[in-house]
Amino acid sequence: MFLFLKPITIIMKTSQLIFFAVLTSLWSCGGGKTTEETQSEPLTSTEVPLDSTMNVKEVVGIARIEPSGKIISINAETAGFVKEVLFAENQVVKKGEVLVVLESAIETAQLRQTQSRIKTQQAAIDAAKANLESLKVKLANAQNTYTRNLKLQQGNAATQQSVDDSRFNVEDLQKQLAAQEANIEQQRARLEELRADISLSQTQLGKKNLRAPLSGIFLSCDVKPGNYINSEKVLGDFAKDGPYLAVGEVDELYALRVKNGNKAYIRAQGENKVLTRGTVVFTGSYLKQKSLFSDRADNLEDRRVREVHVRLDDNSKVLIGSRVECVIELDQE
């Protein structure tokens, strides 16, 4: 080895000789391994690829704030002219509260007319019942007369004609009684029909008061007094009551490490201040193209992502529809 240093010692100073001698000695202590032998050895810690030693604790993705069940549209149940609007944008409403009142003069008149028919029909039924009771009295009297005539005939005190007349009278009253009972049943059936008509009229009248199907907040109001609306008309965009969701995407590199129950926090894009915290409640069952937040049609990036939903603990610090950074804390393996 030192044969290589001899020509150098001729032209260099003593200090330089010592420096190269030390270097050569250190190299010699390494055993003078060849290039092939060096390449066959395991890589040192500084030579191991970075991603094989990284202990990733968090993964960051862009997310969009959405209400529970996403933003929905509330439609009218029936058609009519708007008489009064009882809600406004950003107003919190409870399930069943009246939102819009429609003109209902015709429906109200129809209900009153049916209600008056109910009273008339009930009076007719009462009169038929009274007539039935009268027939029952007449029938009882006719049966007594018939029985008496039979006894008189047996004693030769009554003629066959009187017996026959009394029997015919009983039979006639029995037929009248049966007919009256049938008439009462018919009148009662008519009464039930009118009551059904009243129920229908009340339902139609009730639909003139458009009510909130769910509890939540109206994000927009699309109707005004005087507008004509039908079942296709949207009253406004509605956010169902409940915790908001941060809907985001996780790169496929860390997709398997994100699980339901992982803690997360939300911050504004480009900032470190935590707006609110939350919990992962949904993880997609497959990888898809990175398209949820792609604003360009020509974005041809070939990375795949896993959709993740984070349920937020506090809705007051974020706005629906805003884009934020969602930082998910990963389980340590």
Protein backbone atom coordinates (compact mmCIF):
# COMPACT_ATOMS: atom_id res chain seq x y z
CA MET A 1 0.00 0.00 0.00
CA PHE A 2 2.70 2.49 0.87
CA LEU A 3 4.29 2.07 -2.58
CA PHE A 4 1.53 4.38 -3.79
CA LEU A 5 2.68 7.13 -1.40
CA LYS A 6 6.35 7.21 -2.36
CA PRO A 7 6.06 9.53 -5.36
CA ILE A 8 3.76 11.83 -3.36
CA THR A 9 6.30 12.20 -0.55
CA ILE A 10 8.81 13.58 -2.96
CA ILE A 11 6.72 16.60 -3.96
CA MET A 12 4.65 17.28 -0.80
CA LYS A 13 5.49 18.81 2.52
CA THR A 14 5.86 16.79 5.66
CA SER A 15 2.45 17.82 7.00
CA GLN A 16 0.82 16.65 3.82
CA LEU A 17 2.60 13.34 4.10
CA ILE A 18 1.28 12.84 7.58
CA PHE A 19 -2.29 13.67 6.44
CA PHE A 20 -2.21 11.18 3.57
CA ALA A 21 -0.49 8.60 5.71
CA VAL A 22 -3.30 8.82 8.27
CA LEU A 23 -5.91 8.49 5.56
CA THR A 24 -4.11 5.54 4.08
CA SER A 25 -3.80 3.87 7.44
CA LEU A 26 -7.50 4.28 8.15
CA TRP A 27 -8.32 2.81 4.78
CA SER A 28 -5.92 -0.04 5.39
CA CYS A 29 -7.63 -0.81 8.71
CA GLY A 30 -10.80 -1.40 6.78
CA GLY A 31 -9.19 -4.51 5.37
CA GLY A 32 -8.72 -3.15 1.86
CA LYS A 33 -12.05 -4.51 0.63
CA THR A 34 -12.80 -4.48 -3.02
CA THR A 35 -15.70 -2.66 -4.66
CA GLU A 36 -17.61 -5.91 -5.12
CA GLU A 37 -17.23 -6.77 -1.43
CA THR A 38 -18.44 -3.32 -0.39
CA GLN A 39 -21.55 -3.54 -2.52
CA SER A 40 -22.48 -6.90 -1.03
CA GLU A 41 -22.63 -5.52 2.51
CA PRO A 42 -25.92 -4.32 4.10
CA LEU A 43 -26.69 -0.62 3.73
CA THR A 44 -25.95 1.61 6.71
CA SER A 45 -28.70 3.61 8.46
CA THR A 46 -27.86 6.66 6.41
CA GLU A 47 -28.18 4.67 3.18
CA VAL A 48 -31.57 3.01 3.90
CA PRO A 49 -34.42 4.55 1.85
CA LEU A 50 -36.20 7.28 3.84
CA ASP A 51 -39.76 5.86 3.66
CA SER A 52 -38.70 2.54 5.25
CA THR A 53 -37.67 4.21 8.51
CA MET A 54 -40.22 7.02 8.74
CA ASN A 55 -42.60 6.80 11.69
CA VAL A 56 -45.54 8.75 10.28
CA LYS A 57 -47.89 9.91 13.04
CA GLU A 58 -50.26 12.12 11.05
CA VAL A 59 -51.58 12.35 7.52
CA VAL A 60 -52.91 15.58 6.06
CA GLY A 61 -55.56 15.89 3.38
CA ILE A 62 -57.85 18.52 1.92
CA ALA A 63 -61.47 18.17 3.04
CA ARG A 64 -64.77 19.89 2.44
CA ILE A 65 -67.20 20.71 5.27
CA GLU A 66 -70.64 19.18 4.75
CA PRO A 67 -73.71 18.79 7.00
CA SER A 68 -74.98 15.39 8.09
CA GLY A 69 -76.78 13.84 5.14
CA LYS A 70 -75.32 16.49 2.81
CA ILE A 71 -77.25 19.57 1.65
CA ILE A 72 -80.82 18.68 0.67
CA SER A 73 -83.63 20.58 -1.02
CA ILE A 74 -87.06 20.99 0.59
CA ASN A 75 -89.99 20.82 -1.84
CA ALA A 76 -93.64 21.78 -1.44
CA GLU A 77 -96.20 19.00 -0.95
CA THR A 78 -98.99 20.74 -2.83
CA ALA A 79 -99.57 23.56 -5.29
CA GLY A 80 -100.91 27.03 -4.57
CA PHE A 81 -100.16 30.71 -4.19
CA VAL A 82 -97.85 31.69 -1.36
CA LYS A 83 -99.68 33.70 1.27
CA GLU A 84 -96.97 33.96 3.90
CA VAL A 85 -93.31 32.87 4.31
CA LEU A 86 -92.36 32.12 7.90
CA PHE A 87 -88.67 31.26 7.53
CA ALA A 88 -85.54 33.03 6.32
CA GLU A 89 -82.00 32.16 5.35
CA ASN A 90 -79.77 30.82 8.14
CA GLN A 91 -82.83 30.19 10.31
CA VAL A 92 -82.90 27.14 12.55
CA VAL A 93 -86.20 25.25 12.36
CA LYS A 94 -87.63 22.27 14.22
CA LYS A 95 -89.40 19.33 12.65
CA GLY A 96 -93.09 20.13 12.11
CA GLU A 97 -92.77 23.92 12.20
CA VAL A 98 -94.79 25.81 9.57
CA LEU A 99 -92.53 27.25 6.88
CA VAL A 100 -94.94 28.55 4.24
CA VAL A 101 -98.69 29.27 4.29
CA LEU A 102 -100.56 28.90 0.98
CA GLU A 103 -103.92 30.38 0.01
CA SER A 104 -106.63 28.00 1.22
CA ALA A 105 -110.00 29.74 0.74
CA ILE A 106 -111.39 26.99 -1.53
CA GLU A 107 -110.26 24.16 0.73
CA THR A 108 -111.74 25.93 3.76
CA ALA A 109 -115.10 26.37 2.00
CA GLN A 110 -115.14 22.71 0.95
CA LEU A 111 -114.48 21.63 4.52
CA ARG A 112 -117.31 23.76 5.88
CA GLN A 113 -119.69 22.45 3.24
CA THR A 114 -118.88 18.84 4.12
CA GLN A 115 -119.27 19.59 7.82
CA SER A 116 -122.78 20.99 7.18
CA ARG A 117 -123.67 17.82 5.28
CA ILE A 118 -122.59 15.82 8.26
CA LYS A 119 -125.17 17.61 10.42
CA THR A 120 -127.91 17.06 7.84
CA GLN A 121 -127.03 13.39 7.53
CA GLN A 122 -127.02 12.89 11.28
CA ALA A 123 -130.48 14.46 11.48
CA ALA A 124 -131.74 12.08 8.78
CA ILE A 125 -130.39 9.12 10.73
CA ASP A 126 -132.09 10.32 13.92
CA ALA A 127 -135.43 10.65 12.06
CA ALA A 128 -135.06 7.15 10.60
CA LYS A 129 -134.38 5.76 14.06
CA ALA A 130 -137.53 7.44 15.41
CA ASN A 131 -139.57 5.96 12.55
CA LEU A 132 -138.05 2.57 13.34
CA GLU A 133 -139.18 2.81 16.93
CA SER A 134 -142.70 3.74 15.79
CA LEU A 135 -142.80 0.69 13.51
CA LYS A 136 -141.68 -1.52 16.37
CA VAL A 137 -144.63 -0.29 18.46
CA LYS A 138 -147.06 -0.85 15.61
CA LEU A 139 -145.67 -4.32 15.00
CA ALA A 140 -146.05 -5.28 18.65
CA ASN A 141 -149.68 -4.10 18.61
CA ALA A 142 -150.37 -5.95 15.34
CA GLN A 143 -148.90 -9.15 16.77
CA ASN A 144 -151.16 -8.87 19.83
CA THR A 145 -154.18 -8.38 17.57
CA TYR A 146 -153.24 -11.38 15.49
CA THR A 147 -152.79 -13.56 18.58
CA ARG A 148 -156.17 -12.44 19.99
CA ASN A 149 -157.97 -13.13 16.72
CA LEU A 150 -156.52 -16.64 16.62
CA LYS A 151 -157.91 -17.37 20.05
CA LEU A 152 -161.29 -15.92 19.12
CA GLN A 153 -161.37 -18.04 16.01
CA GLN A 154 -160.75 -21.15 18.05
CA GLY A 155 -163.85 -20.21 20.08
CA ASN A 156 -165.77 -19.41 16.92
CA ALA A 157 -165.87 -15.75 18.02
CA ALA A 158 -163.83 -14.39 15.07
CA THR A 159 -163.97 -14.96 11.38
CA GLN A 160 -161.15 -16.31 9.22
CA GLN A 161 -161.07 -12.99 7.42
CA SER A 162 -160.23 -11.07 10.58
CA VAL A 163 -157.48 -13.56 11.36
CA ASP A 164 -156.04 -13.25 7.86
CA ASP A 165 -156.19 -9.43 7.97
CA SER A 166 -154.37 -9.29 11.30
CA ARG A 167 -151.70 -11.71 10.03
CA PHE A 168 -151.13 -9.68 6.85
CA ASN A 169 -150.82 -6.53 8.96
CA VAL A 170 -148.09 -8.17 11.07
CA GLU A 171 -146.19 -9.33 8.01
CA ASP A 172 -146.43 -5.90 6.40
CA LEU A 173 -145.09 -4.17 9.50
CA GLN A 174 -142.26 -6.68 9.72
CA LYS A 175 -141.26 -5.85 6.14
CA GLN A 176 -141.46 -2.11 6.86
CA LEU A 177 -139.33 -2.61 9.96
CA ALA A 178 -136.65 -4.51 8.01
CA ALA A 179 -136.68 -1.87 5.27
CA GLN A 180 -136.28 0.89 7.84
CA GLU A 181 -133.34 -0.88 9.48
CA ALA A 182 -131.70 -1.23 6.07
CA ASN A 183 -132.35 2.45 5.42
CA ILE A 184 -130.69 3.39 8.70
CA GLU A 185 -127.62 1.31 7.80
CA GLN A 186 -127.48 3.07 4.45
CA GLN A 187 -127.72 6.46 6.13
CA ARG A 188 -124.95 5.50 8.53
CA ALA A 189 -122.74 4.43 5.62
CA ARG A 190 -123.38 7.78 3.98
CA LEU A 191 -122.41 9.44 7.26
CA GLU A 192 -119.10 7.56 7.25
CA GLU A 193 -118.46 8.69 3.68
CA LEU A 194 -119.00 12.29 4.71
CA ARG A 195 -116.65 11.86 7.63
CA ALA A 196 -114.04 10.48 5.24
CA ASP A 197 -114.63 13.52 3.02
CA ILE A 198 -114.06 15.75 6.03
CA SER A 199 -110.82 13.93 6.83
CA LEU A 200 -109.70 14.39 3.23
CA SER A 201 -110.64 18.07 3.26
CA GLN A 202 -108.79 18.58 6.53
CA THR A 203 -105.72 16.87 5.08
CA GLN A 204 -105.83 19.01 1.96
CA LEU A 205 -106.28 22.11 4.08
CA GLY A 206 -103.42 21.06 6.33
CA LYS A 207 -101.13 20.73 3.32
CA LYS A 208 -101.60 24.41 2.71
CA ASN A 209 -99.32 24.87 5.70
CA LEU A 210 -95.96 23.59 4.48
CA ARG A 211 -94.02 22.19 7.44
CA ALA A 212 -90.39 21.30 8.03
CA PRO A 213 -89.86 17.54 7.51
CA LEU A 214 -86.64 17.62 9.57
CA SER A 215 -84.89 19.73 12.15
CA GLY A 216 -82.01 21.80 10.82
CA ILE A 217 -81.06 25.10 9.27
CA PHE A 218 -82.17 26.69 6.01
CA LEU A 219 -79.20 27.82 3.96
CA SER A 220 -81.32 29.64 1.39
CA CYS A 221 -84.92 30.78 0.84
CA ASP A 222 -86.27 30.57 -2.71
CA VAL A 223 -89.93 31.63 -2.32
CA LYS A 224 -91.75 34.90 -1.68
CA PRO A 225 -95.39 35.87 -0.97
CA GLY A 226 -97.40 35.88 -4.17
CA ASN A 227 -95.35 33.16 -5.89
CA TYR A 228 -97.19 30.19 -7.33
CA ILE A 229 -95.51 26.93 -6.34
CA ASN A 230 -96.06 23.24 -7.01
CA SER A 231 -94.51 19.98 -5.88
CA GLU A 232 -91.47 20.62 -8.10
CA LYS A 233 -90.72 24.00 -6.54
CA VAL A 234 -87.77 24.08 -4.13
CA LEU A 235 -88.37 26.11 -0.98
CA GLY A 236 -84.66 26.29 -0.24
CA ASP A 237 -81.45 24.40 0.53
CA PHE A 238 -81.52 22.73 3.91
CA ALA A 239 -78.86 21.33 6.24
CA LYS A 240 -80.05 18.55 8.51
CA ASP A 241 -79.45 19.05 12.21
CA GLY A 242 -76.40 17.22 13.55
CA PRO A 243 -72.60 17.36 13.62
CA TYR A 244 -70.87 18.47 10.45
CA LEU A 245 -68.59 16.18 8.46
CA ALA A 246 -65.20 16.88 6.94
CA VAL A 247 -65.21 14.84 3.73
CA GLY A 248 -61.69 14.36 2.48
CA GLU A 249 -59.25 12.09 0.70
CA VAL A 250 -56.19 10.20 1.93
CA ASP A 251 -53.40 9.21 -0.45
CA GLU A 252 -53.14 5.52 -1.20
CA LEU A 253 -49.71 5.39 0.49
CA TYR A 254 -51.40 5.76 3.91
CA ALA A 255 -54.89 4.55 3.04
CA LEU A 256 -54.71 1.32 5.05
CA ARG A 257 -53.51 3.13 8.18
CA VAL A 258 -56.62 5.28 8.46
CA LYS A 259 -59.37 3.55 10.43
CA ASN A 260 -62.72 4.40 11.93
CA GLY A 261 -62.18 5.87 15.38
CA ASN A 262 -58.94 7.70 14.54
CA LYS A 263 -58.81 11.16 16.02
CA ALA A 264 -58.42 14.17 13.74
CA TYR A 265 -58.36 17.94 13.83
CA ILE A 266 -59.31 20.64 11.35
CA ARG A 267 -57.37 23.75 10.46
CA ALA A 268 -57.63 26.42 7.79
CA GLN A 269 -55.57 25.84 4.68
CA GLY A 270 -52.02 27.09 5.18
CA GLU A 271 -52.49 27.75 8.90
CA ASN A 272 -51.55 25.85 12.06
CA LYS A 273 -54.40 27.00 14.34
CA VAL A 274 -56.80 24.17 15.16
CA LEU A 275 -60.41 25.11 14.38
CA THR A 276 -62.08 22.00 15.78
CA ARG A 277 -61.46 18.33 16.40
CA GLY A 278 -63.30 15.19 15.35
CA THR A 279 -63.33 11.45 14.82
CA VAL A 280 -63.10 9.34 11.66
CA VAL A 281 -66.53 7.73 11.17
CA PHE A 282 -66.25 6.48 7.59
CA THR A 283 -63.48 5.08 5.42
CA GLY A 284 -64.07 4.14 1.80
CA SER A 285 -63.96 0.46 0.90
CA TYR A 286 -61.97 1.05 -2.29
CA LEU A 287 -59.44 3.39 -3.85
CA LYS A 288 -60.58 5.81 -6.52
CA GLN A 289 -59.07 8.45 -8.72
CA LYS A 290 -58.08 11.70 -7.06
CA SER A 291 -61.02 13.73 -8.28
CA LEU A 292 -62.99 14.98 -5.27
CA PHE A 293 -61.14 18.28 -5.14
CA SER A 294 -59.86 18.49 -8.68
CA ASP A 295 -60.99 21.77 -10.25
CA ARG A 296 -59.42 21.09 -13.62
CA ALA A 297 -60.76 18.71 -16.21
CA ASP A 298 -57.25 18.10 -17.55
CA ASN A 299 -55.87 16.90 -14.22
CA LEU A 300 -54.38 13.55 -15.23
CA GLU A 301 -52.54 12.73 -12.00
CA ASP A 302 -52.45 8.97 -11.57
CA ARG A 303 -52.60 8.87 -7.78
CA ARG A 304 -55.49 7.09 -6.10
CA VAL A 305 -57.13 8.04 -2.85
CA ARG A 306 -59.43 6.70 -0.14
CA GLU A 307 -62.45 8.76 0.88
CA VAL A 308 -62.65 9.56 4.59
CA HIS A 309 -65.38 11.25 6.68
CA VAL A 310 -64.53 12.96 9.96
CA ARG A 311 -67.38 13.85 12.31
CA LEU A 312 -66.66 17.21 13.94
CA ASP A 313 -67.09 17.99 17.63
CA ASP A 314 -67.99 21.66 17.11
CA ASN A 315 -69.86 23.16 14.15
CA SER A 316 -69.43 26.80 15.16
CA LYS A 317 -65.83 27.20 13.95
CA VAL A 318 -66.35 26.07 10.34
CA LEU A 319 -68.59 26.98 7.41
CA ILE A 320 -70.50 24.55 5.25
CA GLY A 321 -68.84 24.19 1.87
CA SER A 322 -65.43 25.51 2.99
CA ARG A 323 -62.22 23.68 2.20
CA VAL A 324 -59.94 22.92 5.10
CA GLU A 325 -56.95 20.82 6.01
CA CYS A 326 -57.90 17.62 7.82
CA VAL A 327 -55.07 16.16 9.91
CA ILE A 328 -55.71 12.53 10.91
CA GLU A 329 -53.74 11.02 13.76
CA LEU A 330 -52.61 7.51 12.79
CA ASP A 331 -52.34 4.49 15.04
CA GLN A 332 -48.71 3.66 15.80
CA GLU A 333 -47.74 0.21 14.62
